[in-house]
C-alpha atoms as a PDB file:
ATOM      1  CA  MET A   1       0.000   0.000   0.000  1.00  0.00           C
ATOM      2  CA  LYS A   2       1.349   3.392  -0.970  1.00  0.00           C
ATOM      3  CA  VAL A   3       0.811   6.516   1.095  1.00  0.00           C
ATOM      4  CA  PRO A   4      -0.003   9.553  -1.069  1.00  0.00           C
ATOM      5  CA  GLY A   5       1.562  12.891  -0.349  1.00  0.00           C
ATOM      6  CA  PHE A   6       4.921  11.591   0.877  1.00  0.00           C
ATOM      7  CA  GLY A   7       6.853  11.760  -2.389  1.00  0.00           C
ATOM      8  CA  TRP A   8       9.364  14.141  -0.852  1.00  0.00           C
ATOM      9  CA  ILE A   9      10.150  11.553   1.809  1.00  0.00           C
ATOM     10  CA  HIS A  10      10.666   8.896  -0.841  1.00  0.00           C
ATOM     11  CA  GLN A  11      13.066  11.162  -2.746  1.00  0.00           C
ATOM     12  CA  ARG A  12      14.948  12.073   0.419  1.00  0.00           C
ATOM     13  CA  GLN A  13      15.129   8.388   1.366  1.00  0.00           C
ATOM     14  CA  ALA A  14      16.649   7.499  -2.020  1.00  0.00           C
ATOM     15  CA  GLN A  15      19.260  10.241  -1.639  1.00  0.00           C
ATOM     16  CA  GLU A  16      20.155   9.109   1.881  1.00  0.00           C
ATOM     17  CA  ASN A  17      20.411   5.466   0.778  1.00  0.00           C
ATOM     18  CA  GLN A  18      22.853   6.454  -1.938  1.00  0.00           C
ATOM     19  CA  SER A  19      24.968   8.589   0.379  1.00  0.00           C
ATOM     20  CA  SER A  20      25.146   6.100   3.252  1.00  0.00           C
ATOM     21  CA  SER A  21      26.267   2.562   2.490  1.00  0.00           C
ATOM     22  CA  ASN A  22      26.585   1.746   6.200  1.00  0.00           C
ATOM     23  CA  ARG A  23      22.841   1.742   6.814  1.00  0.00           C
ATOM     24  CA  PHE A  24      20.572  -1.256   6.507  1.00  0.00           C
ATOM     25  CA  ILE A  25      17.027  -0.301   5.592  1.00  0.00           C
ATOM     26  CA  GLU A  26      15.440  -3.101   7.636  1.00  0.00           C
ATOM     27  CA  LEU A  27      16.876  -1.635  10.853  1.00  0.00           C
ATOM     28  CA  ASP A  28      15.410   1.774  10.032  1.00  0.00           C
ATOM     29  CA  ILE A  29      12.074   0.135   9.196  1.00  0.00           C
ATOM     30  CA  PHE A  30      11.908  -1.701  12.531  1.00  0.00           C
ATOM     31  CA  ARG A  31      12.907   1.498  14.330  1.00  0.00           C
ATOM     32  CA  GLY A  32      10.195   3.369  12.434  1.00  0.00           C
ATOM     33  CA  ILE A  33       7.598   0.772  13.453  1.00  0.00           C
ATOM     34  CA  ALA A  34       8.678   1.176  17.079  1.00  0.00           C
ATOM     35  CA  ILE A  35       8.353   4.962  16.777  1.00  0.00           C
ATOM     36  CA  VAL A  36       4.806   4.674  15.374  1.00  0.00           C
ATOM     37  CA  TYR A  37       3.768   2.328  18.177  1.00  0.00           C
ATOM     38  CA  MET A  38       5.387   4.600  20.766  1.00  0.00           C
ATOM     39  CA  MET A  39       3.529   7.647  19.461  1.00  0.00           C
ATOM     40  CA  PHE A  40       0.242   5.716  19.516  1.00  0.00           C
ATOM     41  CA  HIS A  41       0.842   4.651  23.116  1.00  0.00           C
ATOM     42  CA  HIS A  42       1.803   8.187  24.155  1.00  0.00           C
ATOM     43  CA  VAL A  43      -1.363   9.610  22.584  1.00  0.00           C
ATOM     44  CA  LEU A  44      -3.400   7.209  24.718  1.00  0.00           C
ATOM     45  CA  TRP A  45      -1.319   8.099  27.793  1.00  0.00           C
ATOM     46  CA  ASP A  46      -1.836  11.827  27.220  1.00  0.00           C
ATOM     47  CA  LEU A  47      -5.583  11.354  26.693  1.00  0.00           C
ATOM     48  CA  ASP A  48      -5.675   9.669  30.101  1.00  0.00           C
ATOM     49  CA  TYR A  49      -3.389  12.271  31.731  1.00  0.00           C
ATOM     50  CA  PHE A  50      -5.579  15.175  30.568  1.00  0.00           C
ATOM     51  CA  GLY A  51      -8.729  13.359  31.646  1.00  0.00           C
ATOM     52  CA  ILE A  52     -10.143  13.106  28.124  1.00  0.00           C
ATOM     53  CA  TRP A  53     -10.266   9.323  27.779  1.00  0.00           C
ATOM     54  CA  PRO A  54      -9.229   6.817  30.482  1.00  0.00           C
ATOM     55  CA  LEU A  55      -6.437   4.495  29.412  1.00  0.00           C
ATOM     56  CA  ASN A  56      -7.245   0.807  29.369  1.00  0.00           C
ATOM     57  CA  PRO A  57      -4.832  -0.732  31.924  1.00  0.00           C
ATOM     58  CA  HIS A  58      -4.491  -3.859  29.764  1.00  0.00           C
ATOM     59  CA  LEU A  59      -2.544  -1.787  27.239  1.00  0.00           C
ATOM     60  CA  TYR A  60       0.283  -1.407  29.744  1.00  0.00           C
ATOM     61  CA  GLN A  61       1.262  -5.046  29.291  1.00  0.00           C
ATOM     62  CA  PHE A  62       2.539  -4.092  25.827  1.00  0.00           C
ATOM     63  CA  ASN A  63       4.373  -0.912  26.820  1.00  0.00           C
ATOM     64  CA  GLN A  64       7.743  -2.693  27.154  1.00  0.00           C
ATOM     65  CA  LEU A  65       7.679  -3.843  23.532  1.00  0.00           C
ATOM     66  CA  VAL A  66       8.881  -0.478  22.174  1.00  0.00           C
ATOM     67  CA  PRO A  67      11.951  -0.063  24.434  1.00  0.00           C
ATOM     68  CA  LEU A  68      12.781  -3.744  23.893  1.00  0.00           C
ATOM     69  CA  MET A  69      12.917  -3.094  20.132  1.00  0.00           C
ATOM     70  CA  PHE A  70      14.915   0.110  20.589  1.00  0.00           C
ATOM     71  CA  PHE A  71      17.565  -1.371  22.887  1.00  0.00           C
ATOM     72  CA  VAL A  72      18.029  -4.458  20.701  1.00  0.00           C
ATOM     73  CA  LEU A  73      18.418  -2.211  17.647  1.00  0.00           C
ATOM     74  CA  ILE A  74      20.911  -0.032  19.525  1.00  0.00           C
ATOM     75  CA  GLY A  75      23.024  -3.097  20.242  1.00  0.00           C
ATOM     76  CA  ILE A  76      22.821  -4.310  16.643  1.00  0.00           C
ATOM     77  CA  CYS A  77      23.930  -0.907  15.343  1.00  0.00           C
ATOM     78  CA  LEU A  78      26.792  -0.784  17.855  1.00  0.00           C
ATOM     79  CA  SER A  79      28.039  -4.160  16.631  1.00  0.00           C
ATOM     80  CA  ILE A  80      27.836  -3.003  13.009  1.00  0.00           C
ATOM     81  CA  SER A  81      29.846   0.125  13.824  1.00  0.00           C
ATOM     82  CA  PHE A  82      32.484  -1.932  15.606  1.00  0.00           C
ATOM     83  CA  ASN A  83      32.682  -4.533  12.831  1.00  0.00           C
ATOM     84  CA  LYS A  84      33.206  -1.780  10.269  1.00  0.00           C
ATOM     85  CA  LYS A  85      36.044  -0.286  12.287  1.00  0.00           C
ATOM     86  CA  GLN A  86      38.442  -1.065   9.468  1.00  0.00           C
ATOM     87  CA  ASP A  87      37.014   2.090   7.886  1.00  0.00           C
ATOM     88  CA  TYR A  88      38.470   4.122  10.742  1.00  0.00           C
ATOM     89  CA  SER A  89      40.686   3.696  13.784  1.00  0.00           C
ATOM     90  CA  ASN A  90      39.645   2.036  17.025  1.00  0.00           C
ATOM     91  CA  ARG A  91      40.378   5.248  18.886  1.00  0.00           C
ATOM     92  CA  PHE A  92      38.155   7.231  16.521  1.00  0.00           C
ATOM     93  CA  LEU A  93      35.263   4.790  17.078  1.00  0.00           C
ATOM     94  CA  GLU A  94      35.630   4.907  20.853  1.00  0.00           C
ATOM     95  CA  LYS A  95      35.740   8.704  20.805  1.00  0.00           C
ATOM     96  CA  HIS A  96      32.689   8.813  18.541  1.00  0.00           C
ATOM     97  CA  LEU A  97      30.690   6.443  20.759  1.00  0.00           C
ATOM     98  CA  LEU A  98      31.720   8.343  23.892  1.00  0.00           C
ATOM     99  CA  LYS A  99      30.542  11.635  22.386  1.00  0.00           C
ATOM    100  CA  ARG A 100      27.314  10.029  21.173  1.00  0.00           C
ATOM    101  CA  GLY A 101      26.599   8.515  24.572  1.00  0.00           C
ATOM    102  CA  LEU A 102      27.285  11.773  26.402  1.00  0.00           C
ATOM    103  CA  TRP A 103      25.123  13.693  23.917  1.00  0.00           C
ATOM    104  CA  ILE A 104      22.122  11.390  24.401  1.00  0.00           C
ATOM    105  CA  PHE A 105      22.597  11.338  28.189  1.00  0.00           C
ATOM    106  CA  GLY A 106      22.735  15.143  28.122  1.00  0.00           C
ATOM    107  CA  LEU A 107      19.411  15.224  26.282  1.00  0.00           C
ATOM    108  CA  GLY A 108      18.029  13.006  29.018  1.00  0.00           C
ATOM    109  CA  MET A 109      19.197  15.492  31.656  1.00  0.00           C
ATOM    110  CA  ILE A 110      17.426  18.291  29.778  1.00  0.00           C
ATOM    111  CA  ILE A 111      14.225  16.236  29.895  1.00  0.00           C
ATOM    112  CA  THR A 112      14.810  15.712  33.620  1.00  0.00           C
ATOM    113  CA  ALA A 113      15.016  19.487  34.110  1.00  0.00           C
ATOM    114  CA  VAL A 114      11.881  20.093  32.030  1.00  0.00           C
ATOM    115  CA  THR A 115       9.836  17.505  33.916  1.00  0.00           C
ATOM    116  CA  LEU A 116      11.036  18.871  37.262  1.00  0.00           C
ATOM    117  CA  VAL A 117       9.563  22.234  36.230  1.00  0.00           C
ATOM    118  CA  PHE A 118       6.361  21.151  34.482  1.00  0.00           C
ATOM    119  CA  MET A 119       5.665  17.779  36.152  1.00  0.00           C
ATOM    120  CA  PRO A 120       7.326  18.003  39.580  1.00  0.00           C
ATOM    121  CA  GLU A 121       4.997  15.327  40.933  1.00  0.00           C
ATOM    122  CA  ARG A 122       6.368  12.710  38.461  1.00  0.00           C
ATOM    123  CA  PRO A 123       9.750  13.841  37.083  1.00  0.00           C
ATOM    124  CA  ILE A 124      11.956  11.657  34.872  1.00  0.00           C
ATOM    125  CA  LEU A 125      15.075  10.914  36.919  1.00  0.00           C
ATOM    126  CA  PHE A 126      16.644   8.138  34.869  1.00  0.00           C
ATOM    127  CA  GLY A 127      14.605   7.588  31.736  1.00  0.00           C
ATOM    128  CA  VAL A 128      15.170   5.953  28.386  1.00  0.00           C
ATOM    129  CA  LEU A 129      17.609   8.578  27.053  1.00  0.00           C
ATOM    130  CA  HIS A 130      19.713   8.449  30.225  1.00  0.00           C
ATOM    131  CA  CYS A 131      19.899   4.673  29.935  1.00  0.00           C
ATOM    132  CA  ILE A 132      20.667   4.688  26.201  1.00  0.00           C
ATOM    133  CA  GLY A 133      23.486   7.206  26.695  1.00  0.00           C
ATOM    134  CA  PHE A 134      24.982   5.180  29.556  1.00  0.00           C
ATOM    135  CA  SER A 135      24.593   1.942  27.609  1.00  0.00           C
ATOM    136  CA  ILE A 136      26.480   3.292  24.599  1.00  0.00           C
ATOM    137  CA  ILE A 137      29.359   4.422  26.809  1.00  0.00           C
ATOM    138  CA  LEU A 138      29.495   1.208  28.846  1.00  0.00           C
ATOM    139  CA  SER A 139      29.397  -0.917  25.703  1.00  0.00           C
ATOM    140  CA  ILE A 140      32.691   0.473  24.355  1.00  0.00           C
ATOM    141  CA  PRO A 141      35.030  -2.022  26.094  1.00  0.00           C
ATOM    142  CA  LEU A 142      32.589  -4.927  25.554  1.00  0.00           C
ATOM    143  CA  LEU A 143      32.106  -4.681  21.792  1.00  0.00           C
ATOM    144  CA  LYS A 144      35.338  -6.601  21.182  1.00  0.00           C
ATOM    145  CA  LEU A 145      33.736  -9.666  22.807  1.00  0.00           C
ATOM    146  CA  LYS A 146      31.456 -10.006  19.768  1.00  0.00           C
ATOM    147  CA  THR A 147      29.206 -13.080  20.243  1.00  0.00           C
ATOM    148  CA  LEU A 148      30.670 -13.733  23.708  1.00  0.00           C
ATOM    149  CA  VAL A 149      28.847 -10.589  24.833  1.00  0.00           C
ATOM    150  CA  LEU A 150      25.823 -12.886  25.113  1.00  0.00           C
ATOM    151  CA  PHE A 151      26.942 -13.999  28.570  1.00  0.00           C
ATOM    152  CA  PRO A 152      27.280 -10.588  30.300  1.00  0.00           C
ATOM    153  CA  GLY A 153      24.086  -9.563  28.508  1.00  0.00           C
ATOM    154  CA  LEU A 154      22.115 -12.491  29.911  1.00  0.00           C
ATOM    155  CA  ILE A 155      23.588 -11.954  33.389  1.00  0.00           C
ATOM    156  CA  MET A 156      22.530  -8.291  33.382  1.00  0.00           C
ATOM    157  CA  VAL A 157      19.010  -9.138  32.199  1.00  0.00           C
ATOM    158  CA  LEU A 158      18.639 -11.828  34.864  1.00  0.00           C
ATOM    159  CA  LEU A 159      19.990  -9.498  37.557  1.00  0.00           C
ATOM    160  CA  GLY A 160      17.523  -6.856  36.443  1.00  0.00           C
ATOM    161  CA  VAL A 161      14.632  -9.311  36.734  1.00  0.00           C
ATOM    162  CA  LEU A 162      15.821 -10.403  40.184  1.00  0.00           C
ATOM    163  CA  MET A 163      16.403  -6.887  41.515  1.00  0.00           C
ATOM    164  CA  ALA A 164      12.916  -5.874  40.387  1.00  0.00           C
ATOM    165  CA  GLN A 165      11.646  -8.215  43.139  1.00  0.00           C
ATOM    166  CA  PHE A 166      13.370  -6.159  45.845  1.00  0.00           C
ATOM    167  CA  SER A 167      13.043  -2.586  47.036  1.00  0.00           C
ATOM    168  CA  VAL A 168      15.033  -0.094  49.114  1.00  0.00           C
ATOM    169  CA  GLU A 169      13.583   2.560  51.385  1.00  0.00           C
ATOM    170  CA  ASN A 170      16.173   5.295  50.783  1.00  0.00           C
ATOM    171  CA  PRO A 171      17.750   4.647  47.385  1.00  0.00           C
ATOM    172  CA  THR A 172      20.923   6.374  46.271  1.00  0.00           C
ATOM    173  CA  VAL A 173      21.721   7.309  42.678  1.00  0.00           C
ATOM    174  CA  VAL A 174      23.594   4.016  42.309  1.00  0.00           C
ATOM    175  CA  HIS A 175      20.540   2.079  43.479  1.00  0.00           C
ATOM    176  CA  LEU A 176      18.350   3.762  40.864  1.00  0.00           C
ATOM    177  CA  LEU A 177      20.947   3.198  38.135  1.00  0.00           C
ATOM    178  CA  VAL A 178      20.978  -0.561  38.631  1.00  0.00           C
ATOM    179  CA  GLY A 179      17.242  -0.962  39.248  1.00  0.00           C
ATOM    180  CA  LEU A 180      16.763  -0.919  43.034  1.00  0.00           C
ATOM    181  CA  HIS A 181      13.991   1.513  43.937  1.00  0.00           C
ATOM    182  CA  PRO A 182      11.324   2.099  46.613  1.00  0.00           C
ATOM    183  CA  ILE A 183       7.950   0.366  46.556  1.00  0.00           C
ATOM    184  CA  GLY A 184       5.555   2.231  44.293  1.00  0.00           C
ATOM    185  CA  PHE A 185       8.379   4.111  42.575  1.00  0.00           C
ATOM    186  CA  TRP A 186       6.370   4.249  39.329  1.00  0.00           C
ATOM    187  CA  GLN A 187       3.947   6.590  41.103  1.00  0.00           C
ATOM    188  CA  TYR A 188       6.758   9.154  41.327  1.00  0.00           C
ATOM    189  CA  THR A 189       8.152   9.009  37.798  1.00  0.00           C
ATOM    190  CA  ILE A 190       6.700   8.597  34.311  1.00  0.00           C
ATOM    191  CA  ASP A 191       9.799   7.062  32.728  1.00  0.00           C
ATOM    192  CA  TYR A 192      12.353   4.765  34.352  1.00  0.00           C
ATOM    193  CA  PHE A 193      14.905   2.521  32.620  1.00  0.00           C
ATOM    194  CA  PRO A 194      17.625   1.144  34.919  1.00  0.00           C
ATOM    195  CA  LEU A 195      20.830  -0.283  33.455  1.00  0.00           C
ATOM    196  CA  PHE A 196      19.785  -3.727  34.694  1.00  0.00           C
ATOM    197  CA  PRO A 197      18.120  -5.180  32.650  1.00  0.00           C
ATOM    198  CA  TRP A 198      18.142  -2.646  29.790  1.00  0.00           C
ATOM    199  CA  PHE A 199      21.897  -2.423  29.230  1.00  0.00           C
ATOM    200  CA  GLY A 200      21.807  -6.202  29.135  1.00  0.00           C
ATOM    201  CA  VAL A 201      19.137  -6.038  26.422  1.00  0.00           C
ATOM    202  CA  ALA A 202      21.423  -3.761  24.385  1.00  0.00           C
ATOM    203  CA  LEU A 203      24.252  -6.301  24.777  1.00  0.00           C
ATOM    204  CA  LEU A 204      21.926  -9.023  23.497  1.00  0.00           C
ATOM    205  CA  GLY A 205      21.436  -6.765  20.498  1.00  0.00           C
ATOM    206  CA  VAL A 206      25.222  -6.654  20.059  1.00  0.00           C
ATOM    207  CA  PHE A 207      25.192 -10.468  20.094  1.00  0.00           C
ATOM    208  CA  LEU A 208      22.470 -10.584  17.430  1.00  0.00           C
ATOM    209  CA  GLY A 209      24.301  -7.994  15.362  1.00  0.00           C
ATOM    210  CA  ASN A 210      27.420 -10.153  15.313  1.00  0.00           C
ATOM    211  CA  ILE A 211      25.356 -13.057  14.006  1.00  0.00           C
ATOM    212  CA  PHE A 212      23.111 -11.381  11.444  1.00  0.00           C
ATOM    213  CA  TYR A 213      25.579  -8.631  10.416  1.00  0.00           C
ATOM    214  CA  LYS A 214      28.884 -10.429  10.793  1.00  0.00           C
ATOM    215  CA  ASP A 215      31.847  -8.252   9.773  1.00  0.00           C
ATOM    216  CA  GLY A 216      29.398  -5.418   9.168  1.00  0.00           C
ATOM    217  CA  GLN A 217      27.697  -7.263   6.293  1.00  0.00           C
ATOM    218  CA  ARG A 218      24.138  -8.546   6.131  1.00  0.00           C
ATOM    219  CA  GLN A 219      24.162 -12.343   6.433  1.00  0.00           C
ATOM    220  CA  PHE A 220      20.693 -12.877   4.973  1.00  0.00           C
ATOM    221  CA  HIS A 221      18.705 -11.817   1.949  1.00  0.00           C
ATOM    222  CA  PHE A 222      16.454  -8.790   2.326  1.00  0.00           C
ATOM    223  CA  PRO A 223      14.325  -7.588  -0.592  1.00  0.00           C
ATOM    224  CA  ASP A 224      14.715  -4.091  -2.010  1.00  0.00           C
ATOM    225  CA  LEU A 225      11.732  -2.196  -0.578  1.00  0.00           C
ATOM    226  CA  SER A 226      13.041   1.314  -1.230  1.00  0.00           C
ATOM    227  CA  GLY A 227      10.479   1.791  -4.026  1.00  0.00           C
ATOM    228  CA  ASN A 228       7.549   1.417  -1.629  1.00  0.00           C
ATOM    229  CA  ARG A 229       6.531   4.802  -0.251  1.00  0.00           C
ATOM    230  CA  SER A 230       5.015   3.379   2.943  1.00  0.00           C
ATOM    231  CA  ILE A 231       8.263   1.543   3.665  1.00  0.00           C
ATOM    232  CA  SER A 232      10.267   4.657   2.791  1.00  0.00           C
ATOM    233  CA  PHE A 233       8.159   6.649   5.247  1.00  0.00           C
ATOM    234  CA  LEU A 234       8.821   4.140   8.046  1.00  0.00           C
ATOM    235  CA  SER A 235      12.509   4.090   7.155  1.00  0.00           C
ATOM    236  CA  TRP A 236      12.627   7.891   7.230  1.00  0.00           C
ATOM    237  CA  MET A 237      11.026   7.874  10.683  1.00  0.00           C
ATOM    238  CA  GLY A 238      13.556   5.296  11.823  1.00  0.00           C
ATOM    239  CA  LYS A 239      16.458   7.442  10.649  1.00  0.00           C
ATOM    240  CA  HIS A 240      15.078  10.422  12.578  1.00  0.00           C
ATOM    241  CA  SER A 241      13.826   8.527  15.635  1.00  0.00           C
ATOM    242  CA  LEU A 242      15.682  10.698  18.157  1.00  0.00           C
ATOM    243  CA  GLU A 243      14.267  13.942  16.760  1.00  0.00           C
ATOM    244  CA  ILE A 244      10.765  12.467  16.625  1.00  0.00           C
ATOM    245  CA  TYR A 245      11.102  11.182  20.196  1.00  0.00           C
ATOM    246  CA  LEU A 246      12.092  14.615  21.469  1.00  0.00           C
ATOM    247  CA  LEU A 247       9.377  16.516  19.591  1.00  0.00           C
ATOM    248  CA  HIS A 248       6.326  14.286  19.501  1.00  0.00           C
ATOM    249  CA  GLN A 249       5.286  14.560  23.159  1.00  0.00           C
ATOM    250  CA  PRO A 250       5.322  18.390  23.333  1.00  0.00           C
ATOM    251  CA  VAL A 251       3.306  18.472  20.092  1.00  0.00           C
ATOM    252  CA  ILE A 252       0.742  15.912  21.294  1.00  0.00           C
ATOM    253  CA  ALA A 253       0.464  17.466  24.758  1.00  0.00           C
ATOM    254  CA  GLY A 254       0.171  20.943  23.244  1.00  0.00           C
ATOM    255  CA  ILE A 255      -2.660  19.915  20.922  1.00  0.00           C
ATOM    256  CA  LEU A 256      -4.563  18.161  23.727  1.00  0.00           C
ATOM    257  CA  GLY A 257      -3.902  21.059  26.088  1.00  0.00           C
ATOM    258  CA  LEU A 258      -5.444  23.453  23.578  1.00  0.00           C
ATOM    259  CA  TYR A 259      -8.386  21.087  23.117  1.00  0.00           C
ATOM    260  CA  ILE A 260      -9.323  21.002  26.796  1.00  0.00           C
ATOM    261  CA  THR A 261      -9.095  24.800  27.098  1.00  0.00           C
ATOM    262  CA  MET A 262     -11.440  25.423  24.162  1.00  0.00           C
END
């Protein structure tokens, strides 16, 4: 099915595909699907937050699907970058990943400041961007393990599951980083992604990347879908997932805020 009116996206997608041989369209497509689902879920959340339409609690059982996709894709892309390191020096890659991780973590801190001002009752203290930034930085010395990264990844996921069964009354920053928090902590924050298990999920993505994109090359056949405008639209969203993540909530909340004041 083709989506009319998005020809400019299709043209831009073709130009970007030609200029970037390091990208795999299927990863952008999956990231785009995750972005669409995330936006849908956030619309429902905002409708509930503004008292317009109560959110069905059964939908929450699916709300971990999006971050699961994102963290796995992050790990896959990290493995691809490392396996293509022959295109640049090891030191350059490490410096690039360090800067990228700090940049994303810094964006997370900006969101923390914004939520402390506008939502002081439920601020984001260590959300998805904080965790992604930390995970990128912490992954640097582990990427050389390649498929062996499966073992620390599984350990971190299992530790995260185990620590979720416990709570601490007066958590420190370290406690919150690894996943130890007070009972009912979700009532005090709207976004929380501790390193355990989510950094472990990213490492599992590194493991998958070393299998399906060994040596930075796709190890399976994937059809050329670049001529499909719907696919190109999803791919475009996947390439700009960070920008969409940062902008979509203020836009949605602003529209709903105007609606309830009319």
